Amino acid sequence: MSKQLDVVVWSKEGCSYCAEVKGYLKENNIEYKTIDVTNHDEFRDILDTKYGVRHVPVVEIGKNGTYTGVTEVGLEHLKNALATISV
């Protein structure tokens, strides 16, 4: 799965849910990149423009040039998105 998907985790220092998301991805051998929004309000502006949210984590999952943003809190949303996109 990790070789076919591009995964980007938007996160910040001290965010326990961000750490949970990254831990889940590591446990499942899913490679990801991190964009740290700590002290970077301009990155939150990008999230606001793309998804209408300023909170983290936001997980972007891409395949074949199409990206889906997971903005809901809870690992079940990430798991569902990964399952749907991996099909």
PDB file of N, CA and C in Angstrom:
ATOM      1  N   MET A   1       0.816  -1.189   0.000  1.00  0.00           N
ATOM      2  CA  MET A   1       0.000   0.000   0.000  1.00  0.00           C
ATOM      3  C   MET A   1       0.859   1.252   0.000  1.00  0.00           C
ATOM      4  N   SER A   2       1.925   1.300   0.785  1.00  0.00           N
ATOM      5  CA  SER A   2       2.689   2.528   0.958  1.00  0.00           C
ATOM      6  C   SER A   2       3.380   2.972  -0.325  1.00  0.00           C
ATOM      7  N   LYS A   3       3.711   2.050  -1.211  1.00  0.00           N
ATOM      8  CA  LYS A   3       4.383   2.432  -2.441  1.00  0.00           C
ATOM      9  C   LYS A   3       3.414   3.066  -3.443  1.00  0.00           C
ATOM     10  N   GLN A   4       2.134   2.789  -3.321  1.00  0.00           N
ATOM     11  CA  GLN A   4       1.144   3.324  -4.242  1.00  0.00           C
ATOM     12  C   GLN A   4       0.543   4.634  -3.742  1.00  0.00           C
ATOM     13  N   LEU A   5       0.606   4.870  -2.455  1.00  0.00           N
ATOM     14  CA  LEU A   5      -0.027   6.048  -1.879  1.00  0.00           C
ATOM     15  C   LEU A   5       0.999   7.094  -1.480  1.00  0.00           C
ATOM     16  N   ASP A   6       0.623   8.352  -1.645  1.00  0.00           N
ATOM     17  CA  ASP A   6       1.379   9.468  -1.090  1.00  0.00           C
ATOM     18  C   ASP A   6       0.588   9.957   0.113  1.00  0.00           C
ATOM     19  N   VAL A   7       1.207   9.976   1.281  1.00  0.00           N
ATOM     20  CA  VAL A   7       0.521  10.380   2.496  1.00  0.00           C
ATOM     21  C   VAL A   7       1.280  11.545   3.124  1.00  0.00           C
ATOM     22  N   VAL A   8       0.539  12.596   3.467  1.00  0.00           N
ATOM     23  CA  VAL A   8       1.103  13.774   4.112  1.00  0.00           C
ATOM     24  C   VAL A   8       0.311  14.033   5.391  1.00  0.00           C
ATOM     25  N   VAL A   9       1.023  14.145   6.513  1.00  0.00           N
ATOM     26  CA  VAL A   9       0.393  14.441   7.794  1.00  0.00           C
ATOM     27  C   VAL A   9       0.739  15.873   8.182  1.00  0.00           C
ATOM     28  N   TRP A  10      -0.281  16.706   8.264  1.00  0.00           N
ATOM     29  CA  TRP A  10      -0.120  18.070   8.761  1.00  0.00           C
ATOM     30  C   TRP A  10      -0.283  17.980  10.266  1.00  0.00           C
ATOM     31  N   SER A  11       0.732  18.401  11.017  1.00  0.00           N
ATOM     32  CA  SER A  11       0.697  18.232  12.465  1.00  0.00           C
ATOM     33  C   SER A  11       1.411  19.379  13.165  1.00  0.00           C
ATOM     34  N   LYS A  12       1.389  19.318  14.500  1.00  0.00           N
ATOM     35  CA  LYS A  12       2.116  20.304  15.291  1.00  0.00           C
ATOM     36  C   LYS A  12       2.722  19.619  16.498  1.00  0.00           C
ATOM     37  N   GLU A  13       3.725  20.249  17.073  1.00  0.00           N
ATOM     38  CA  GLU A  13       4.385  19.730  18.269  1.00  0.00           C
ATOM     39  C   GLU A  13       3.387  19.651  19.420  1.00  0.00           C
ATOM     40  N   GLY A  14       3.469  18.575  20.185  1.00  0.00           N
ATOM     41  CA  GLY A  14       2.634  18.437  21.372  1.00  0.00           C
ATOM     42  C   GLY A  14       1.219  17.963  21.107  1.00  0.00           C
ATOM     43  N   CYS A  15       0.897  17.641  19.885  1.00  0.00           N
ATOM     44  CA  CYS A  15      -0.456  17.193  19.527  1.00  0.00           C
ATOM     45  C   CYS A  15      -0.528  15.676  19.705  1.00  0.00           C
ATOM     46  N   SER A  16      -1.283  15.219  20.700  1.00  0.00           N
ATOM     47  CA  SER A  16      -1.351  13.785  20.979  1.00  0.00           C
ATOM     48  C   SER A  16      -2.044  13.017  19.854  1.00  0.00           C
ATOM     49  N   TYR A  17      -3.067  13.610  19.246  1.00  0.00           N
ATOM     50  CA  TYR A  17      -3.727  12.909  18.154  1.00  0.00           C
ATOM     51  C   TYR A  17      -2.816  12.830  16.933  1.00  0.00           C
ATOM     52  N   CYS A  18      -2.020  13.856  16.696  1.00  0.00           N
ATOM     53  CA  CYS A  18      -1.044  13.821  15.601  1.00  0.00           C
ATOM     54  C   CYS A  18      -0.081  12.649  15.812  1.00  0.00           C
ATOM     55  N   ALA A  19       0.383  12.481  17.042  1.00  0.00           N
ATOM     56  CA  ALA A  19       1.289  11.381  17.364  1.00  0.00           C
ATOM     57  C   ALA A  19       0.594  10.034  17.166  1.00  0.00           C
ATOM     58  N   GLU A  20      -0.683   9.965  17.514  1.00  0.00           N
ATOM     59  CA  GLU A  20      -1.447   8.726  17.336  1.00  0.00           C
ATOM     60  C   GLU A  20      -1.562   8.372  15.853  1.00  0.00           C
ATOM     61  N   VAL A  21      -1.834   9.366  15.018  1.00  0.00           N
ATOM     62  CA  VAL A  21      -1.938   9.142  13.575  1.00  0.00           C
ATOM     63  C   VAL A  21      -0.600   8.653  13.015  1.00  0.00           C
ATOM     64  N   LYS A  22       0.482   9.314  13.382  1.00  0.00           N
ATOM     65  CA  LYS A  22       1.807   8.918  12.899  1.00  0.00           C
ATOM     66  C   LYS A  22       2.172   7.519  13.380  1.00  0.00           C
ATOM     67  N   GLY A  23       1.827   7.209  14.626  1.00  0.00           N
ATOM     68  CA  GLY A  23       2.083   5.874  15.155  1.00  0.00           C
ATOM     69  C   GLY A  23       1.334   4.806  14.382  1.00  0.00           C
ATOM     70  N   TYR A  24       0.074   5.081  14.060  1.00  0.00           N
ATOM     71  CA  TYR A  24      -0.722   4.132  13.285  1.00  0.00           C
ATOM     72  C   TYR A  24      -0.096   3.903  11.906  1.00  0.00           C
ATOM     73  N   LEU A  25       0.310   4.968  11.259  1.00  0.00           N
ATOM     74  CA  LEU A  25       0.912   4.839   9.936  1.00  0.00           C
ATOM     75  C   LEU A  25       2.215   4.035  10.007  1.00  0.00           C
ATOM     76  N   LYS A  26       3.044   4.315  11.019  1.00  0.00           N
ATOM     77  CA  LYS A  26       4.306   3.572  11.183  1.00  0.00           C
ATOM     78  C   LYS A  26       4.044   2.094  11.429  1.00  0.00           C
ATOM     79  N   GLU A  27       3.093   1.793  12.320  1.00  0.00           N
ATOM     80  CA  GLU A  27       2.761   0.396  12.641  1.00  0.00           C
ATOM     81  C   GLU A  27       2.302  -0.377  11.406  1.00  0.00           C
ATOM     82  N   ASN A  28       1.677   0.323  10.472  1.00  0.00           N
ATOM     83  CA  ASN A  28       1.150  -0.316   9.270  1.00  0.00           C
ATOM     84  C   ASN A  28       2.067  -0.141   8.063  1.00  0.00           C
ATOM     85  N   ASN A  29       3.304   0.274   8.341  1.00  0.00           N
ATOM     86  CA  ASN A  29       4.320   0.430   7.286  1.00  0.00           C
ATOM     87  C   ASN A  29       3.856   1.319   6.134  1.00  0.00           C
ATOM     88  N   ILE A  30       3.169   2.389   6.484  1.00  0.00           N
ATOM     89  CA  ILE A  30       2.722   3.357   5.496  1.00  0.00           C
ATOM     90  C   ILE A  30       3.643   4.571   5.598  1.00  0.00           C
ATOM     91  N   GLU A  31       4.402   4.794   4.557  1.00  0.00           N
ATOM     92  CA  GLU A  31       5.317   5.937   4.543  1.00  0.00           C
ATOM     93  C   GLU A  31       4.521   7.230   4.444  1.00  0.00           C
ATOM     94  N   TYR A  32       5.032   8.254   5.102  1.00  0.00           N
ATOM     95  CA  TYR A  32       4.356   9.548   5.063  1.00  0.00           C
ATOM     96  C   TYR A  32       5.375  10.664   5.203  1.00  0.00           C
ATOM     97  N   LYS A  33       4.947  11.834   4.780  1.00  0.00           N
ATOM     98  CA  LYS A  33       5.720  13.055   4.980  1.00  0.00           C
ATOM     99  C   LYS A  33       4.973  13.882   6.020  1.00  0.00           C
ATOM    100  N   THR A  34       5.694  14.737   6.716  1.00  0.00           N
ATOM    101  CA  THR A  34       5.079  15.589   7.730  1.00  0.00           C
ATOM    102  C   THR A  34       5.249  17.050   7.355  1.00  0.00           C
ATOM    103  N   ILE A  35       4.185  17.805   7.521  1.00  0.00           N
ATOM    104  CA  ILE A  35       4.251  19.265   7.435  1.00  0.00           C
ATOM    105  C   ILE A  35       3.919  19.777   8.826  1.00  0.00           C
ATOM    106  N   ASP A  36       4.893  20.398   9.480  1.00  0.00           N
ATOM    107  CA  ASP A  36       4.742  20.884  10.849  1.00  0.00           C
ATOM    108  C   ASP A  36       4.214  22.314  10.814  1.00  0.00           C
ATOM    109  N   VAL A  37       3.011  22.501  11.364  1.00  0.00           N
ATOM    110  CA  VAL A  37       2.391  23.833  11.357  1.00  0.00           C
ATOM    111  C   VAL A  37       2.738  24.645  12.604  1.00  0.00           C
ATOM    112  N   THR A  38       3.537  24.047  13.510  1.00  0.00           N
ATOM    113  CA  THR A  38       3.940  24.763  14.719  1.00  0.00           C
ATOM    114  C   THR A  38       4.644  26.060  14.313  1.00  0.00           C
ATOM    115  N   ASN A  39       4.156  27.170  14.821  1.00  0.00           N
ATOM    116  CA  ASN A  39       4.721  28.494  14.529  1.00  0.00           C
ATOM    117  C   ASN A  39       4.632  28.880  13.050  1.00  0.00           C
ATOM    118  N   HIS A  40       3.732  28.265  12.310  1.00  0.00           N
ATOM    119  CA  HIS A  40       3.560  28.583  10.891  1.00  0.00           C
ATOM    120  C   HIS A  40       2.075  28.772  10.570  1.00  0.00           C
ATOM    121  N   ASP A  41       1.550  29.931  10.944  1.00  0.00           N
ATOM    122  CA  ASP A  41       0.141  30.200  10.667  1.00  0.00           C
ATOM    123  C   ASP A  41      -0.172  30.185   9.178  1.00  0.00           C
ATOM    124  N   GLU A  42       0.836  30.461   8.334  1.00  0.00           N
ATOM    125  CA  GLU A  42       0.603  30.427   6.891  1.00  0.00           C
ATOM    126  C   GLU A  42       0.261  29.008   6.420  1.00  0.00           C
ATOM    127  N   PHE A  43       0.757  27.977   7.117  1.00  0.00           N
ATOM    128  CA  PHE A  43       0.393  26.600   6.776  1.00  0.00           C
ATOM    129  C   PHE A  43      -1.058  26.327   7.163  1.00  0.00           C
ATOM    130  N   ARG A  44      -1.481  26.889   8.287  1.00  0.00           N
ATOM    131  CA  ARG A  44      -2.891  26.744   8.688  1.00  0.00           C
ATOM    132  C   ARG A  44      -3.793  27.462   7.687  1.00  0.00           C
ATOM    133  N   ASP A  45      -3.300  28.572   7.127  1.00  0.00           N
ATOM    134  CA  ASP A  45      -4.061  29.271   6.089  1.00  0.00           C
ATOM    135  C   ASP A  45      -4.272  28.363   4.874  1.00  0.00           C
ATOM    136  N   ILE A  46      -3.266  27.570   4.544  1.00  0.00           N
ATOM    137  CA  ILE A  46      -3.384  26.631   3.421  1.00  0.00           C
ATOM    138  C   ILE A  46      -4.459  25.591   3.721  1.00  0.00           C
ATOM    139  N   LEU A  47      -4.453  25.049   4.947  1.00  0.00           N
ATOM    140  CA  LEU A  47      -5.479  24.078   5.333  1.00  0.00           C
ATOM    141  C   LEU A  47      -6.873  24.692   5.271  1.00  0.00           C
ATOM    142  N   ASP A  48      -6.969  25.938   5.700  1.00  0.00           N
ATOM    143  CA  ASP A  48      -8.249  26.638   5.672  1.00  0.00           C
ATOM    144  C   ASP A  48      -8.746  26.789   4.238  1.00  0.00           C
ATOM    145  N   THR A  49      -7.861  27.130   3.337  1.00  0.00           N
ATOM    146  CA  THR A  49      -8.223  27.287   1.926  1.00  0.00           C
ATOM    147  C   THR A  49      -8.606  25.952   1.308  1.00  0.00           C
ATOM    148  N   LYS A  50      -7.841  24.910   1.578  1.00  0.00           N
ATOM    149  CA  LYS A  50      -8.081  23.596   0.961  1.00  0.00           C
ATOM    150  C   LYS A  50      -9.283  22.868   1.543  1.00  0.00           C
ATOM    151  N   TYR A  51      -9.408  22.899   2.889  1.00  0.00           N
ATOM    152  CA  TYR A  51     -10.397  22.039   3.552  1.00  0.00           C
ATOM    153  C   TYR A  51     -11.351  22.762   4.496  1.00  0.00           C
ATOM    154  N   GLY A  52     -11.145  24.058   4.675  1.00  0.00           N
ATOM    155  CA  GLY A  52     -12.026  24.811   5.565  1.00  0.00           C
ATOM    156  C   GLY A  52     -11.766  24.540   7.047  1.00  0.00           C
ATOM    157  N   VAL A  53     -10.567  24.062   7.382  1.00  0.00           N
ATOM    158  CA  VAL A  53     -10.202  23.818   8.780  1.00  0.00           C
ATOM    159  C   VAL A  53      -8.839  24.444   9.061  1.00  0.00           C
ATOM    160  N   ARG A  54      -8.605  24.746  10.329  1.00  0.00           N
ATOM    161  CA  ARG A  54      -7.295  25.265  10.738  1.00  0.00           C
ATOM    162  C   ARG A  54      -6.653  24.344  11.770  1.00  0.00           C
ATOM    163  N   HIS A  55      -7.354  23.275  12.136  1.00  0.00           N
ATOM    164  CA  HIS A  55      -6.833  22.352  13.146  1.00  0.00           C
ATOM    165  C   HIS A  55      -5.985  21.261  12.501  1.00  0.00           C
ATOM    166  N   VAL A  56      -5.198  20.601  13.329  1.00  0.00           N
ATOM    167  CA  VAL A  56      -4.434  19.438  12.901  1.00  0.00           C
ATOM    168  C   VAL A  56      -4.767  18.309  13.859  1.00  0.00           C
ATOM    169  N   PRO A  57      -4.561  17.074  13.472  1.00  0.00           N
ATOM    170  CA  PRO A  57      -3.952  16.673  12.220  1.00  0.00           C
ATOM    171  C   PRO A  57      -4.934  16.682  11.057  1.00  0.00           C
ATOM    172  N   VAL A  58      -4.373  16.901   9.909  1.00  0.00           N
ATOM    173  CA  VAL A  58      -5.058  16.666   8.645  1.00  0.00           C
ATOM    174  C   VAL A  58      -4.157  15.699   7.890  1.00  0.00           C
ATOM    175  N   VAL A  59      -4.757  14.652   7.357  1.00  0.00           N
ATOM    176  CA  VAL A  59      -3.986  13.669   6.610  1.00  0.00           C
ATOM    177  C   VAL A  59      -4.439  13.718   5.163  1.00  0.00           C
ATOM    178  N   GLU A  60      -3.492  13.973   4.267  1.00  0.00           N
ATOM    179  CA  GLU A  60      -3.780  13.955   2.839  1.00  0.00           C
ATOM    180  C   GLU A  60      -3.282  12.632   2.268  1.00  0.00           C
ATOM    181  N   ILE A  61      -4.162  11.967   1.542  1.00  0.00           N
ATOM    182  CA  ILE A  61      -3.819  10.679   0.942  1.00  0.00           C
ATOM    183  C   ILE A  61      -3.998  10.819  -0.556  1.00  0.00           C
ATOM    184  N   GLY A  62      -2.924  10.561  -1.292  1.00  0.00           N
ATOM    185  CA  GLY A  62      -2.960  10.723  -2.739  1.00  0.00           C
ATOM    186  C   GLY A  62      -2.671   9.436  -3.471  1.00  0.00           C
ATOM    187  N   LYS A  63      -3.348   9.278  -4.592  1.00  0.00           N
ATOM    188  CA  LYS A  63      -3.120   8.135  -5.473  1.00  0.00           C
ATOM    189  C   LYS A  63      -3.450   8.583  -6.881  1.00  0.00           C
ATOM    190  N   ASN A  64      -2.537   8.324  -7.792  1.00  0.00           N
ATOM    191  CA  ASN A  64      -2.734   8.692  -9.200  1.00  0.00           C
ATOM    192  C   ASN A  64      -3.023  10.184  -9.373  1.00  0.00           C
ATOM    193  N   GLY A  65      -2.385  11.022  -8.540  1.00  0.00           N
ATOM    194  CA  GLY A  65      -2.529  12.468  -8.680  1.00  0.00           C
ATOM    195  C   GLY A  65      -3.773  13.060  -8.046  1.00  0.00           C
ATOM    196  N   THR A  66      -4.620  12.228  -7.426  1.00  0.00           N
ATOM    197  CA  THR A  66      -5.823  12.712  -6.762  1.00  0.00           C
ATOM    198  C   THR A  66      -5.652  12.558  -5.257  1.00  0.00           C
ATOM    199  N   TYR A  67      -5.901  13.638  -4.524  1.00  0.00           N
ATOM    200  CA  TYR A  67      -5.718  13.623  -3.075  1.00  0.00           C
ATOM    201  C   TYR A  67      -7.044  13.776  -2.350  1.00  0.00           C
ATOM    202  N   THR A  68      -7.128  13.082  -1.219  1.00  0.00           N
ATOM    203  CA  THR A  68      -8.266  13.190  -0.319  1.00  0.00           C
ATOM    204  C   THR A  68      -7.743  13.682   1.015  1.00  0.00           C
ATOM    205  N   GLY A  69      -8.428  14.621   1.622  1.00  0.00           N
ATOM    206  CA  GLY A  69      -8.026  15.127   2.925  1.00  0.00           C
ATOM    207  C   GLY A  69      -8.901  14.546   4.015  1.00  0.00           C
ATOM    208  N   VAL A  70      -8.276  13.967   5.024  1.00  0.00           N
ATOM    209  CA  VAL A  70      -8.995  13.446   6.180  1.00  0.00           C
ATOM    210  C   VAL A  70      -8.869  14.497   7.277  1.00  0.00           C
ATOM    211  N   THR A  71      -9.966  15.170   7.566  1.00  0.00           N
ATOM    212  CA  THR A  71      -9.951  16.261   8.540  1.00  0.00           C
ATOM    213  C   THR A  71     -10.681  15.898   9.830  1.00  0.00           C
ATOM    214  N   GLU A  72     -11.417  14.799   9.832  1.00  0.00           N
ATOM    215  CA  GLU A  72     -12.171  14.401  11.021  1.00  0.00           C
ATOM    216  C   GLU A  72     -11.244  13.787  12.055  1.00  0.00           C
ATOM    217  N   VAL A  73     -11.543  14.017  13.324  1.00  0.00           N
ATOM    218  CA  VAL A  73     -10.749  13.462  14.411  1.00  0.00           C
ATOM    219  C   VAL A  73     -11.213  12.036  14.684  1.00  0.00           C
ATOM    220  N   GLY A  74     -10.261  11.139  14.826  1.00  0.00           N
ATOM    221  CA  GLY A  74     -10.549   9.737  15.106  1.00  0.00           C
ATOM    222  C   GLY A  74      -9.878   8.843  14.080  1.00  0.00           C
ATOM    223  N   LEU A  75      -9.156   7.843  14.558  1.00  0.00           N
ATOM    224  CA  LEU A  75      -8.441   6.953  13.652  1.00  0.00           C
ATOM    225  C   LEU A  75      -9.363   6.225  12.691  1.00  0.00           C
ATOM    226  N   GLU A  76     -10.624   6.022  13.084  1.00  0.00           N
ATOM    227  CA  GLU A  76     -11.548   5.321  12.190  1.00  0.00           C
ATOM    228  C   GLU A  76     -11.719   6.056  10.857  1.00  0.00           C
ATOM    229  N   HIS A  77     -11.636   7.376  10.873  1.00  0.00           N
ATOM    230  CA  HIS A  77     -11.768   8.148   9.633  1.00  0.00           C
ATOM    231  C   HIS A  77     -10.554   7.926   8.731  1.00  0.00           C
ATOM    232  N   LEU A  78      -9.379   7.882   9.324  1.00  0.00           N
ATOM    233  CA  LEU A  78      -8.158   7.610   8.567  1.00  0.00           C
ATOM    234  C   LEU A  78      -8.196   6.193   7.999  1.00  0.00           C
ATOM    235  N   LYS A  79      -8.578   5.224   8.832  1.00  0.00           N
ATOM    236  CA  LYS A  79      -8.652   3.831   8.381  1.00  0.00           C
ATOM    237  C   LYS A  79      -9.633   3.682   7.223  1.00  0.00           C
ATOM    238  N   ASN A  80     -10.800   4.312   7.328  1.00  0.00           N
ATOM    239  CA  ASN A  80     -11.794   4.242   6.253  1.00  0.00           C
ATOM    240  C   ASN A  80     -11.271   4.859   4.967  1.00  0.00           C
ATOM    241  N   ALA A  81     -10.611   5.990   5.088  1.00  0.00           N
ATOM    242  CA  ALA A  81     -10.073   6.665   3.889  1.00  0.00           C
ATOM    243  C   ALA A  81      -8.993   5.807   3.234  1.00  0.00           C
ATOM    244  N   LEU A  82      -8.113   5.229   4.043  1.00  0.00           N
ATOM    245  CA  LEU A  82      -7.063   4.376   3.490  1.00  0.00           C
ATOM    246  C   LEU A  82      -7.658   3.150   2.795  1.00  0.00           C
ATOM    247  N   ALA A  83      -8.682   2.558   3.393  1.00  0.00           N
ATOM    248  CA  ALA A  83      -9.317   1.384   2.804  1.00  0.00           C
ATOM    249  C   ALA A  83     -10.003   1.746   1.486  1.00  0.00           C
ATOM    250  N   THR A  84     -10.674   2.872   1.454  1.00  0.00           N
ATOM    251  CA  THR A  84     -11.398   3.301   0.260  1.00  0.00           C
ATOM    252  C   THR A  84     -10.438   3.637  -0.887  1.00  0.00           C
ATOM    253  N   ILE A  85      -9.374   4.359  -0.566  1.00  0.00           N
ATOM    254  CA  ILE A  85      -8.434   4.801  -1.578  1.00  0.00           C
ATOM    255  C   ILE A  85      -7.562   3.649  -2.082  1.00  0.00           C
ATOM    256  N   SER A  86      -7.283   2.683  -1.216  1.00  0.00           N
ATOM    257  CA  SER A  86      -6.412   1.571  -1.589  1.00  0.00           C
ATOM    258  C   SER A  86      -7.085   0.588  -2.534  1.00  0.00           C
ATOM    259  N   VAL A  87      -8.383   0.634  -2.635  1.00  0.00           N
ATOM    260  CA  VAL A  87      -9.129  -0.315  -3.482  1.00  0.00           C
ATOM    261  C   VAL A  87      -8.842  -0.076  -4.949  1.00  0.00           C
TER     262      VAL A  87
END
